Amino acid sequence: MREFRFNVFGTLIAITGSAGAWQAFHLGADGKRRPADFIVPSDIAEDELSEYLADLFHEQATPKKGTVERIG
């Protein structure tokens, strides 16, 4: 199972699985994870995850935290 990590306007998010079977998690500073309160549609491709997260959470953007970046 693949894992993709993102910094979404200052919030750490992990997306695991593959297209058609995504699972989203919030990552804590202590290394723990909890299920996220949103879903990633099955038709989102791996290379579209960053754009999807930016579209979903655009209202959380601030001048200092204005991007979605893939980590690692």
Protein backbone atom coordinates (compact mmCIF):
# COMPACT_ATOMS: atom_id res chain seq x y z
CA MET A 1 0.00 0.00 0.00
CA ARG A 2 1.42 3.35 -1.00
CA GLU A 3 1.36 6.42 1.20
CA PHE A 4 1.50 10.03 0.12
CA ARG A 5 2.04 12.81 2.65
CA PHE A 6 1.06 16.42 2.17
CA ASN A 7 1.33 19.70 4.02
CA VAL A 8 -2.08 21.18 3.29
CA PHE A 9 -1.96 24.85 4.27
CA GLY A 10 -0.14 23.87 7.49
CA THR A 11 -2.06 20.66 8.24
CA LEU A 12 -0.32 17.32 7.74
CA ILE A 13 -2.38 14.80 5.77
CA ALA A 14 -1.55 11.25 4.65
CA ILE A 15 -3.34 9.54 1.77
CA THR A 16 -2.88 5.78 1.52
CA GLY A 17 -3.95 3.17 -1.02
CA SER A 18 -4.31 3.65 -4.74
CA ALA A 19 -6.77 5.18 -7.17
CA GLY A 20 -10.17 3.68 -6.48
CA ALA A 21 -9.39 2.90 -2.84
CA TRP A 22 -8.00 6.01 -1.13
CA GLN A 23 -7.98 6.49 2.64
CA ALA A 24 -7.16 9.83 4.26
CA PHE A 25 -5.59 10.47 7.68
CA HIS A 26 -4.64 13.48 9.78
CA LEU A 27 -1.06 13.20 11.04
CA GLY A 28 -0.23 14.36 14.55
CA ALA A 29 3.05 15.90 15.68
CA ASP A 30 3.64 12.84 17.87
CA GLY A 31 3.55 10.49 14.87
CA LYS A 32 0.03 9.23 15.48
CA ARG A 33 -2.66 9.32 12.83
CA ARG A 34 -6.42 9.47 12.93
CA PRO A 35 -8.95 8.97 10.16
CA ALA A 36 -9.68 12.19 8.32
CA ASP A 37 -13.16 13.67 8.19
CA PHE A 38 -13.19 13.82 4.40
CA ILE A 39 -13.02 11.32 1.57
CA VAL A 40 -10.94 11.20 -1.56
CA PRO A 41 -13.15 10.16 -4.50
CA SER A 42 -12.21 6.93 -6.20
CA ASP A 43 -11.68 8.62 -9.57
CA ILE A 44 -8.84 10.87 -8.32
CA ALA A 45 -5.51 9.77 -9.80
CA GLU A 46 -2.25 9.74 -7.84
CA ASP A 47 -0.92 12.81 -9.65
CA GLU A 48 -4.15 14.73 -8.90
CA LEU A 49 -4.08 14.33 -5.09
CA SER A 50 -2.32 17.62 -4.37
CA GLU A 51 -4.70 19.62 -6.56
CA TYR A 52 -7.72 17.86 -5.02
CA LEU A 53 -6.55 18.71 -1.49
CA ALA A 54 -5.91 22.33 -2.49
CA ASP A 55 -9.42 22.61 -3.96
CA LEU A 56 -11.00 20.94 -0.93
CA PHE A 57 -9.24 23.04 1.72
CA HIS A 58 -8.67 26.35 -0.10
CA GLU A 59 -10.54 28.27 2.60
CA GLN A 60 -7.79 27.37 5.10
CA ALA A 61 -5.10 29.12 3.05
CA THR A 62 -3.38 32.13 4.63
CA PRO A 63 -0.65 34.43 3.33
CA LYS A 64 1.95 32.48 5.36
CA LYS A 65 0.47 29.05 4.62
CA GLY A 66 -0.74 29.35 1.07
CA THR A 67 0.34 26.11 -0.59
CA VAL A 68 -0.24 22.38 -0.65
CA GLU A 69 3.08 20.55 -0.81
CA ARG A 70 3.80 16.88 -1.16
CA ILE A 71 6.22 15.71 1.54
CA GLY A 72 8.86 13.13 0.72
